[in-house]
PDB file of N, CA and C in Angstrom:
ATOM      1  N   MET A   1      -4.715   5.897 -11.935  1.00  0.00           N
ATOM      2  CA  MET A   1      -3.924   5.393 -10.926  1.00  0.00           C
ATOM      3  C   MET A   1      -3.074   6.531 -10.051  1.00  0.00           C
ATOM      4  N   VAL A   2      -2.745   6.299  -8.902  1.00  0.00           N
ATOM      5  CA  VAL A   2      -1.896   7.240  -8.140  1.00  0.00           C
ATOM      6  C   VAL A   2      -1.025   6.448  -7.207  1.00  0.00           C
ATOM      7  N   ALA A   3       0.156   7.036  -6.993  1.00  0.00           N
ATOM      8  CA  ALA A   3       1.045   6.549  -5.935  1.00  0.00           C
ATOM      9  C   ALA A   3       1.472   7.493  -4.951  1.00  0.00           C
ATOM     10  N   TRP A   4       2.298   7.532  -4.098  1.00  0.00           N
ATOM     11  CA  TRP A   4       2.769   8.631  -3.303  1.00  0.00           C
ATOM     12  C   TRP A   4       4.281   8.808  -3.365  1.00  0.00           C
ATOM     13  N   THR A   5       4.504   9.916  -3.207  1.00  0.00           N
ATOM     14  CA  THR A   5       5.873  10.435  -3.307  1.00  0.00           C
ATOM     15  C   THR A   5       6.489  11.356  -2.146  1.00  0.00           C
ATOM     16  N   GLY A   6       7.631  11.721  -2.109  1.00  0.00           N
ATOM     17  CA  GLY A   6       8.249  12.388  -0.972  1.00  0.00           C
ATOM     18  C   GLY A   6       8.217  14.003  -1.085  1.00  0.00           C
ATOM     19  N   VAL A   7       9.124  14.629  -1.038  1.00  0.00           N
ATOM     20  CA  VAL A   7       9.315  16.030  -1.095  1.00  0.00           C
ATOM     21  C   VAL A   7       9.085  16.718  -2.434  1.00  0.00           C
ATOM     22  N   ALA A   8       8.057  17.560  -2.573  1.00  0.00           N
ATOM     23  CA  ALA A   8       7.769  18.155  -3.874  1.00  0.00           C
ATOM     24  C   ALA A   8       8.006  19.563  -3.794  1.00  0.00           C
ATOM     25  N   THR A   9       8.972  20.166  -4.748  1.00  0.00           N
ATOM     26  CA  THR A   9       9.331  21.586  -4.779  1.00  0.00           C
ATOM     27  C   THR A   9       9.365  22.235  -5.955  1.00  0.00           C
ATOM     28  N   GLY A  10       8.733  21.576  -7.202  1.00  0.00           N
ATOM     29  CA  GLY A  10       8.772  22.225  -8.463  1.00  0.00           C
ATOM     30  C   GLY A  10       8.053  23.743  -8.574  1.00  0.00           C
ATOM     31  N   CYS A  11       7.106  23.882  -7.880  1.00  0.00           N
ATOM     32  CA  CYS A  11       6.394  25.126  -8.044  1.00  0.00           C
ATOM     33  C   CYS A  11       6.738  26.305  -6.704  1.00  0.00           C
ATOM     34  N   PHE A  12       7.263  25.685  -5.629  1.00  0.00           N
ATOM     35  CA  PHE A  12       7.594  26.717  -4.698  1.00  0.00           C
ATOM     36  C   PHE A  12       9.112  26.549  -3.847  1.00  0.00           C
ATOM     37  N   GLY A  13       9.716  25.967  -4.714  1.00  0.00           N
ATOM     38  CA  GLY A  13      11.187  25.727  -4.322  1.00  0.00           C
ATOM     39  C   GLY A  13      11.331  25.096  -2.794  1.00  0.00           C
ATOM     40  N   ASN A  14      12.064  25.442  -2.020  1.00  0.00           N
ATOM     41  CA  ASN A  14      11.955  25.068  -0.502  1.00  0.00           C
ATOM     42  C   ASN A  14      11.161  25.483   0.448  1.00  0.00           C
ATOM     43  N   LYS A  15      10.337  26.199  -0.077  1.00  0.00           N
ATOM     44  CA  LYS A  15       9.191  26.818   0.875  1.00  0.00           C
ATOM     45  C   LYS A  15       8.380  25.673   1.463  1.00  0.00           C
ATOM     46  N   ASP A  16       7.851  25.766   2.766  1.00  0.00           N
ATOM     47  CA  ASP A  16       7.221  24.773   3.272  1.00  0.00           C
ATOM     48  C   ASP A  16       5.631  24.849   2.755  1.00  0.00           C
ATOM     49  N   VAL A  17       5.262  23.954   1.922  1.00  0.00           N
ATOM     50  CA  VAL A  17       3.632  23.868   1.344  1.00  0.00           C
ATOM     51  C   VAL A  17       2.808  22.985   2.142  1.00  0.00           C
ATOM     52  N   GLY A  18       3.288  22.538   3.144  1.00  0.00           N
ATOM     53  CA  GLY A  18       2.281  21.538   4.164  1.00  0.00           C
ATOM     54  C   GLY A  18       2.582  19.939   3.720  1.00  0.00           C
ATOM     55  N   LYS A  19       1.575  19.314   3.966  1.00  0.00           N
ATOM     56  CA  LYS A  19       1.651  17.893   3.698  1.00  0.00           C
ATOM     57  C   LYS A  19       0.806  17.333   2.838  1.00  0.00           C
ATOM     58  N   MET A  20      -0.480  17.926   2.672  1.00  0.00           N
ATOM     59  CA  MET A  20      -1.528  17.435   1.798  1.00  0.00           C
ATOM     60  C   MET A  20      -1.133  18.013   0.368  1.00  0.00           C
ATOM     61  N   ILE A  21      -0.170  17.485  -0.257  1.00  0.00           N
ATOM     62  CA  ILE A  21       0.297  17.990  -1.503  1.00  0.00           C
ATOM     63  C   ILE A  21       0.236  16.973  -2.680  1.00  0.00           C
ATOM     64  N   ALA A  22       0.450  17.371  -3.786  1.00  0.00           N
ATOM     65  CA  ALA A  22       0.529  16.538  -4.964  1.00  0.00           C
ATOM     66  C   ALA A  22       1.316  17.034  -6.206  1.00  0.00           C
ATOM     67  N   ALA A  23       1.617  16.071  -7.051  1.00  0.00           N
ATOM     68  CA  ALA A  23       2.452  16.447  -8.181  1.00  0.00           C
ATOM     69  C   ALA A  23       1.556  16.049  -9.410  1.00  0.00           C
ATOM     70  N   ALA A  24       1.711  17.005 -10.359  1.00  0.00           N
ATOM     71  CA  ALA A  24       0.567  16.955 -11.523  1.00  0.00           C
ATOM     72  C   ALA A  24       1.360  16.143 -12.789  1.00  0.00           C
ATOM     73  N   SER A  25       0.635  15.311 -13.613  1.00  0.00           N
ATOM     74  CA  SER A  25       1.295  14.733 -14.769  1.00  0.00           C
ATOM     75  C   SER A  25       1.308  15.686 -15.839  1.00  0.00           C
ATOM     76  N   ASP A  26       2.136  15.242 -17.078  1.00  0.00           N
ATOM     77  CA  ASP A  26       2.256  16.157 -18.086  1.00  0.00           C
ATOM     78  C   ASP A  26       0.963  16.804 -18.420  1.00  0.00           C
ATOM     79  N   GLU A  27      -0.199  15.903 -18.574  1.00  0.00           N
ATOM     80  CA  GLU A  27      -1.377  16.220 -19.208  1.00  0.00           C
ATOM     81  C   GLU A  27      -2.073  17.312 -18.252  1.00  0.00           C
ATOM     82  N   LEU A  28      -1.898  17.334 -16.953  1.00  0.00           N
ATOM     83  CA  LEU A  28      -2.408  18.325 -16.014  1.00  0.00           C
ATOM     84  C   LEU A  28      -1.441  19.624 -15.941  1.00  0.00           C
ATOM     85  N   TRP A  29      -0.046  19.425 -16.122  1.00  0.00           N
ATOM     86  CA  TRP A  29       0.879  20.420 -15.855  1.00  0.00           C
ATOM     87  C   TRP A  29       0.654  21.811 -16.515  1.00  0.00           C
ATOM     88  N   ALA A  30       0.433  21.784 -17.866  1.00  0.00           N
ATOM     89  CA  ALA A  30       0.236  22.964 -18.466  1.00  0.00           C
ATOM     90  C   ALA A  30       1.197  24.185 -18.369  1.00  0.00           C
ATOM     91  N   SER A  31       2.378  23.713 -18.504  1.00  0.00           N
ATOM     92  CA  SER A  31       3.454  24.634 -18.391  1.00  0.00           C
ATOM     93  C   SER A  31       3.580  25.277 -16.953  1.00  0.00           C
ATOM     94  N   GLY A  32       3.120  24.601 -16.084  1.00  0.00           N
ATOM     95  CA  GLY A  32       3.108  25.244 -14.446  1.00  0.00           C
ATOM     96  C   GLY A  32       1.840  25.835 -14.074  1.00  0.00           C
ATOM     97  N   ASN A  33       0.916  25.994 -15.133  1.00  0.00           N
ATOM     98  CA  ASN A  33      -0.163  26.918 -14.761  1.00  0.00           C
ATOM     99  C   ASN A  33      -0.994  26.217 -13.778  1.00  0.00           C
ATOM    100  N   ILE A  34      -1.022  25.011 -13.378  1.00  0.00           N
ATOM    101  CA  ILE A  34      -1.613  24.379 -12.327  1.00  0.00           C
ATOM    102  C   ILE A  34      -1.053  24.574 -10.902  1.00  0.00           C
ATOM    103  N   CYS A  35       0.135  25.056 -10.904  1.00  0.00           N
ATOM    104  CA  CYS A  35       0.922  25.326  -9.644  1.00  0.00           C
ATOM    105  C   CYS A  35       0.048  26.023  -8.639  1.00  0.00           C
ATOM    106  N   GLY A  36      -0.113  25.468  -7.412  1.00  0.00           N
ATOM    107  CA  GLY A  36      -0.829  26.125  -6.449  1.00  0.00           C
ATOM    108  C   GLY A  36      -2.193  25.887  -6.341  1.00  0.00           C
ATOM    109  N   LYS A  37      -2.830  25.246  -7.391  1.00  0.00           N
ATOM    110  CA  LYS A  37      -4.272  25.044  -7.511  1.00  0.00           C
ATOM    111  C   LYS A  37      -4.719  23.864  -6.570  1.00  0.00           C
ATOM    112  N   MET A  38      -5.880  23.829  -5.992  1.00  0.00           N
ATOM    113  CA  MET A  38      -6.324  22.956  -5.100  1.00  0.00           C
ATOM    114  C   MET A  38      -7.365  21.933  -5.753  1.00  0.00           C
ATOM    115  N   LEU A  39      -6.941  20.589  -5.485  1.00  0.00           N
ATOM    116  CA  LEU A  39      -7.852  19.617  -6.192  1.00  0.00           C
ATOM    117  C   LEU A  39      -8.519  18.652  -5.055  1.00  0.00           C
ATOM    118  N   THR A  40      -9.703  18.388  -5.185  1.00  0.00           N
ATOM    119  CA  THR A  40     -10.473  17.302  -4.300  1.00  0.00           C
ATOM    120  C   THR A  40     -10.098  15.955  -4.927  1.00  0.00           C
ATOM    121  N   VAL A  41      -9.527  15.108  -4.097  1.00  0.00           N
ATOM    122  CA  VAL A  41      -9.309  13.617  -4.596  1.00  0.00           C
ATOM    123  C   VAL A  41      -9.998  12.642  -3.702  1.00  0.00           C
ATOM    124  N   ARG A  42     -10.358  11.520  -4.187  1.00  0.00           N
ATOM    125  CA  ARG A  42     -11.059  10.607  -3.708  1.00  0.00           C
ATOM    126  C   ARG A  42     -10.396   9.212  -4.164  1.00  0.00           C
ATOM    127  N   CYS A  43     -10.341   8.186  -3.477  1.00  0.00           N
ATOM    128  CA  CYS A  43      -9.979   6.935  -3.732  1.00  0.00           C
ATOM    129  C   CYS A  43     -11.115   5.969  -4.214  1.00  0.00           C
ATOM    130  N   ILE A  44     -11.116   5.585  -5.576  1.00  0.00           N
ATOM    131  CA  ILE A  44     -12.240   4.868  -6.286  1.00  0.00           C
ATOM    132  C   ILE A  44     -12.109   3.583  -5.917  1.00  0.00           C
ATOM    133  N   ARG A  45     -10.802   2.738  -6.103  1.00  0.00           N
ATOM    134  CA  ARG A  45     -10.597   1.380  -5.913  1.00  0.00           C
ATOM    135  C   ARG A  45      -9.036   1.043  -5.949  1.00  0.00           C
ATOM    136  N   GLY A  46      -8.559  -0.102  -5.401  1.00  0.00           N
ATOM    137  CA  GLY A  46      -7.282  -0.301  -5.573  1.00  0.00           C
ATOM    138  C   GLY A  46      -7.042  -1.007  -6.936  1.00  0.00           C
ATOM    139  N   THR A  47      -5.705  -1.383  -7.074  1.00  0.00           N
ATOM    140  CA  THR A  47      -5.217  -1.813  -8.249  1.00  0.00           C
ATOM    141  C   THR A  47      -4.571  -3.127  -7.954  1.00  0.00           C
ATOM    142  N   ASN A  48      -4.812  -3.720  -7.083  1.00  0.00           N
ATOM    143  CA  ASN A  48      -3.953  -5.058  -6.664  1.00  0.00           C
ATOM    144  C   ASN A  48      -5.027  -5.660  -5.576  1.00  0.00           C
ATOM    145  N   ALA A  49      -4.513  -6.643  -4.833  1.00  0.00           N
ATOM    146  CA  ALA A  49      -4.996  -7.618  -4.227  1.00  0.00           C
ATOM    147  C   ALA A  49      -5.323  -7.148  -2.640  1.00  0.00           C
ATOM    148  N   VAL A  50      -4.862  -5.991  -2.307  1.00  0.00           N
ATOM    149  CA  VAL A  50      -4.980  -5.484  -1.145  1.00  0.00           C
ATOM    150  C   VAL A  50      -6.514  -5.207  -0.655  1.00  0.00           C
ATOM    151  N   PRO A  51      -6.937  -5.832   0.428  1.00  0.00           N
ATOM    152  CA  PRO A  51      -8.390  -5.680   0.751  1.00  0.00           C
ATOM    153  C   PRO A  51      -8.738  -4.373   1.343  1.00  0.00           C
ATOM    154  N   ASN A  52      -9.959  -3.857   0.855  1.00  0.00           N
ATOM    155  CA  ASN A  52     -10.377  -2.636   1.471  1.00  0.00           C
ATOM    156  C   ASN A  52      -9.231  -1.506   1.364  1.00  0.00           C
ATOM    157  N   PRO A  53      -8.818  -1.296   0.005  1.00  0.00           N
ATOM    158  CA  PRO A  53      -7.651  -0.087   0.034  1.00  0.00           C
ATOM    159  C   PRO A  53      -8.216   1.250   0.406  1.00  0.00           C
ATOM    160  N   CYS A  54      -9.385   1.563   0.053  1.00  0.00           N
ATOM    161  CA  CYS A  54      -9.857   2.989   0.060  1.00  0.00           C
ATOM    162  C   CYS A  54     -10.645   3.081   1.526  1.00  0.00           C
ATOM    163  N   HIS A  55     -10.209   4.283   2.255  1.00  0.00           N
ATOM    164  CA  HIS A  55     -10.977   4.567   3.526  1.00  0.00           C
ATOM    165  C   HIS A  55     -12.175   5.297   3.286  1.00  0.00           C
ATOM    166  N   GLY A  56     -12.516   5.902   2.089  1.00  0.00           N
ATOM    167  CA  GLY A  56     -13.627   6.641   1.950  1.00  0.00           C
ATOM    168  C   GLY A  56     -13.425   7.996   2.241  1.00  0.00           C
ATOM    169  N   GLY A  57     -14.469   8.809   1.648  1.00  0.00           N
ATOM    170  CA  GLY A  57     -14.159  10.271   2.024  1.00  0.00           C
ATOM    171  C   GLY A  57     -13.326  10.891   0.914  1.00  0.00           C
ATOM    172  N   SER A  58     -12.817  12.351   0.903  1.00  0.00           N
ATOM    173  CA  SER A  58     -12.156  12.785   0.100  1.00  0.00           C
ATOM    174  C   SER A  58     -11.005  13.731   0.813  1.00  0.00           C
ATOM    175  N   ILE A  59     -10.007  14.183   0.072  1.00  0.00           N
ATOM    176  CA  ILE A  59      -9.040  15.208   0.710  1.00  0.00           C
ATOM    177  C   ILE A  59      -8.931  16.280  -0.285  1.00  0.00           C
ATOM    178  N   THR A  60      -8.482  17.623   0.072  1.00  0.00           N
ATOM    179  CA  THR A  60      -7.923  18.481  -0.656  1.00  0.00           C
ATOM    180  C   THR A  60      -6.530  18.678  -0.649  1.00  0.00           C
ATOM    181  N   VAL A  61      -5.891  18.561  -1.854  1.00  0.00           N
ATOM    182  CA  VAL A  61      -4.233  18.668  -2.022  1.00  0.00           C
ATOM    183  C   VAL A  61      -4.175  19.936  -2.920  1.00  0.00           C
ATOM    184  N   LYS A  62      -2.886  20.389  -2.563  1.00  0.00           N
ATOM    185  CA  LYS A  62      -2.346  21.611  -3.427  1.00  0.00           C
ATOM    186  C   LYS A  62      -1.262  20.982  -4.287  1.00  0.00           C
ATOM    187  N   ILE A  63      -1.298  21.410  -5.603  1.00  0.00           N
ATOM    188  CA  ILE A  63      -0.553  21.079  -6.846  1.00  0.00           C
ATOM    189  C   ILE A  63       0.925  21.838  -6.451  1.00  0.00           C
ATOM    190  N   VAL A  64       1.961  21.078  -6.208  1.00  0.00           N
ATOM    191  CA  VAL A  64       3.236  21.850  -5.949  1.00  0.00           C
ATOM    192  C   VAL A  64       4.353  21.471  -6.802  1.00  0.00           C
ATOM    193  N   ASP A  65       4.088  20.486  -7.548  1.00  0.00           N
ATOM    194  CA  ASP A  65       5.217  19.759  -8.401  1.00  0.00           C
ATOM    195  C   ASP A  65       4.744  19.111  -9.669  1.00  0.00           C
ATOM    196  N   HIS A  66       5.683  18.770 -10.589  1.00  0.00           N
ATOM    197  CA  HIS A  66       5.479  18.203 -11.805  1.00  0.00           C
ATOM    198  C   HIS A  66       5.785  16.655 -11.689  1.00  0.00           C
ATOM    199  N   CYS A  67       4.968  15.849 -12.295  1.00  0.00           N
ATOM    200  CA  CYS A  67       5.254  14.453 -12.366  1.00  0.00           C
ATOM    201  C   CYS A  67       5.263  13.971 -13.889  1.00  0.00           C
ATOM    202  N   PRO A  68       6.291  14.152 -14.558  1.00  0.00           N
ATOM    203  CA  PRO A  68       6.076  13.672 -15.958  1.00  0.00           C
ATOM    204  C   PRO A  68       5.953  12.188 -16.270  1.00  0.00           C
ATOM    205  N   GLY A  69       6.124  11.288 -15.334  1.00  0.00           N
ATOM    206  CA  GLY A  69       5.763   9.940 -15.427  1.00  0.00           C
ATOM    207  C   GLY A  69       4.469   9.487 -15.112  1.00  0.00           C
ATOM    208  N   CYS A  70       3.535  10.429 -14.595  1.00  0.00           N
ATOM    209  CA  CYS A  70       2.301   9.953 -14.006  1.00  0.00           C
ATOM    210  C   CYS A  70       1.191   9.587 -14.892  1.00  0.00           C
ATOM    211  N   ASN A  71       1.253   9.767 -16.154  1.00  0.00           N
ATOM    212  CA  ASN A  71       0.377   9.234 -17.140  1.00  0.00           C
ATOM    213  C   ASN A  71      -1.129   9.656 -16.807  1.00  0.00           C
ATOM    214  N   GLY A  72      -1.392  11.134 -16.888  1.00  0.00           N
ATOM    215  CA  GLY A  72      -2.564  11.540 -16.733  1.00  0.00           C
ATOM    216  C   GLY A  72      -3.118  11.741 -15.288  1.00  0.00           C
ATOM    217  N   THR A  73      -2.543  11.606 -14.272  1.00  0.00           N
ATOM    218  CA  THR A  73      -3.070  11.454 -13.021  1.00  0.00           C
ATOM    219  C   THR A  73      -1.915  12.366 -12.107  1.00  0.00           C
ATOM    220  N   LEU A  74      -2.143  12.000 -10.900  1.00  0.00           N
ATOM    221  CA  LEU A  74      -1.532  12.652  -9.884  1.00  0.00           C
ATOM    222  C   LEU A  74      -0.515  11.874  -9.074  1.00  0.00           C
ATOM    223  N   ASP A  75       0.510  12.322  -8.410  1.00  0.00           N
ATOM    224  CA  ASP A  75       1.412  11.640  -7.481  1.00  0.00           C
ATOM    225  C   ASP A  75       1.221  12.342  -5.939  1.00  0.00           C
ATOM    226  N   LEU A  76       0.524  11.743  -5.108  1.00  0.00           N
ATOM    227  CA  LEU A  76       0.326  12.344  -3.725  1.00  0.00           C
ATOM    228  C   LEU A  76       1.420  12.138  -2.926  1.00  0.00           C
ATOM    229  N   SER A  77       1.492  13.170  -1.972  1.00  0.00           N
ATOM    230  CA  SER A  77       2.470  12.962  -0.970  1.00  0.00           C
ATOM    231  C   SER A  77       2.099  11.689  -0.035  1.00  0.00           C
ATOM    232  N   LYS A  78       2.917  11.206   0.745  1.00  0.00           N
ATOM    233  CA  LYS A  78       2.650  10.039   1.616  1.00  0.00           C
ATOM    234  C   LYS A  78       1.517  10.500   2.577  1.00  0.00           C
ATOM    235  N   GLU A  79       1.408  11.497   3.251  1.00  0.00           N
ATOM    236  CA  GLU A  79       0.320  11.829   4.029  1.00  0.00           C
ATOM    237  C   GLU A  79      -1.001  11.996   3.378  1.00  0.00           C
ATOM    238  N   ALA A  80      -1.122  12.506   2.226  1.00  0.00           N
ATOM    239  CA  ALA A  80      -2.213  12.683   1.418  1.00  0.00           C
ATOM    240  C   ALA A  80      -2.852  11.096   0.835  1.00  0.00           C
ATOM    241  N   PHE A  81      -1.906  10.393   0.615  1.00  0.00           N
ATOM    242  CA  PHE A  81      -2.263   8.994   0.048  1.00  0.00           C
ATOM    243  C   PHE A  81      -2.884   8.263   1.302  1.00  0.00           C
ATOM    244  N   ALA A  82      -2.117   8.541   2.384  1.00  0.00           N
ATOM    245  CA  ALA A  82      -2.559   7.768   3.685  1.00  0.00           C
ATOM    246  C   ALA A  82      -3.996   8.249   4.017  1.00  0.00           C
ATOM    247  N   ALA A  83      -4.339   9.357   3.799  1.00  0.00           N
ATOM    248  CA  ALA A  83      -5.590   9.869   4.332  1.00  0.00           C
ATOM    249  C   ALA A  83      -6.956   9.272   3.666  1.00  0.00           C
ATOM    250  N   ILE A  84      -6.557   8.799   2.430  1.00  0.00           N
ATOM    251  CA  ILE A  84      -7.740   8.290   1.514  1.00  0.00           C
ATOM    252  C   ILE A  84      -7.573   6.877   1.245  1.00  0.00           C
ATOM    253  N   ALA A  85      -6.421   6.229   1.474  1.00  0.00           N
ATOM    254  CA  ALA A  85      -6.185   4.767   1.115  1.00  0.00           C
ATOM    255  C   ALA A  85      -4.946   4.055   2.095  1.00  0.00           C
ATOM    256  N   ASN A  86      -5.219   2.860   2.195  1.00  0.00           N
ATOM    257  CA  ASN A  86      -4.150   2.179   2.783  1.00  0.00           C
ATOM    258  C   ASN A  86      -2.765   2.240   2.130  1.00  0.00           C
ATOM    259  N   PRO A  87      -1.643   2.818   2.705  1.00  0.00           N
ATOM    260  CA  PRO A  87      -0.408   2.880   1.953  1.00  0.00           C
ATOM    261  C   PRO A  87       0.153   1.520   1.526  1.00  0.00           C
ATOM    262  N   VAL A  88      -0.260   0.595   2.181  1.00  0.00           N
ATOM    263  CA  VAL A  88       0.124  -0.854   1.593  1.00  0.00           C
ATOM    264  C   VAL A  88      -0.341  -1.062   0.249  1.00  0.00           C
ATOM    265  N   ALA A  89      -1.556  -0.556  -0.110  1.00  0.00           N
ATOM    266  CA  ALA A  89      -2.113  -0.727  -1.493  1.00  0.00           C
ATOM    267  C   ALA A  89      -1.085  -0.212  -2.654  1.00  0.00           C
ATOM    268  N   GLY A  90      -0.242   0.613  -2.244  1.00  0.00           N
ATOM    269  CA  GLY A  90       0.884   1.158  -3.274  1.00  0.00           C
ATOM    270  C   GLY A  90       0.160   2.127  -4.241  1.00  0.00           C
ATOM    271  N   LYS A  91      -0.601   1.517  -5.225  1.00  0.00           N
ATOM    272  CA  LYS A  91      -1.337   2.509  -6.129  1.00  0.00           C
ATOM    273  C   LYS A  91      -2.755   2.306  -5.947  1.00  0.00           C
ATOM    274  N   ILE A  92      -3.538   3.346  -6.308  1.00  0.00           N
ATOM    275  CA  ILE A  92      -5.047   3.235  -6.426  1.00  0.00           C
ATOM    276  C   ILE A  92      -5.712   4.071  -7.608  1.00  0.00           C
ATOM    277  N   VAL A  93      -6.874   3.831  -7.886  1.00  0.00           N
ATOM    278  CA  VAL A  93      -7.526   4.613  -8.913  1.00  0.00           C
ATOM    279  C   VAL A  93      -8.196   5.645  -8.047  1.00  0.00           C
ATOM    280  N   ILE A  94      -8.126   6.968  -8.675  1.00  0.00           N
ATOM    281  CA  ILE A  94      -8.626   7.908  -7.977  1.00  0.00           C
ATOM    282  C   ILE A  94      -9.614   8.913  -8.802  1.00  0.00           C
ATOM    283  N   ASP A  95     -10.252   9.732  -8.226  1.00  0.00           N
ATOM    284  CA  ASP A  95     -11.321  10.844  -8.882  1.00  0.00           C
ATOM    285  C   ASP A  95     -10.883  12.103  -8.293  1.00  0.00           C
ATOM    286  N   TYR A  96     -10.872  12.925  -9.326  1.00  0.00           N
ATOM    287  CA  TYR A  96     -10.351  14.396  -8.756  1.00  0.00           C
ATOM    288  C   TYR A  96     -10.896  15.522  -9.591  1.00  0.00           C
ATOM    289  N   HIS A  97     -11.142  16.513  -9.000  1.00  0.00           N
ATOM    290  CA  HIS A  97     -11.634  17.595  -9.611  1.00  0.00           C
ATOM    291  C   HIS A  97     -11.195  18.965  -8.774  1.00  0.00           C
TER     292      HIS A  97
END
């Protein structure tokens, strides 16, 4: 599952890293070795009753932060989340590589 987050600065401090960004869970973080990596992400399905949560297609995000509470997945920026899913959905199931 994935939610969306605000400003992410764990890898790059206050440097502008764009809007298509994400934070990585402990399982992906690897002591920060994933910083700056690009991942392709797509919405698979919603996690609640919001109809048609996924927009279809995929996006590419840059990993810019650590999300210790993300449980094996990503925390997307608001803009990245909205590009693949209805923000009203809140959380979605994703596929990424």
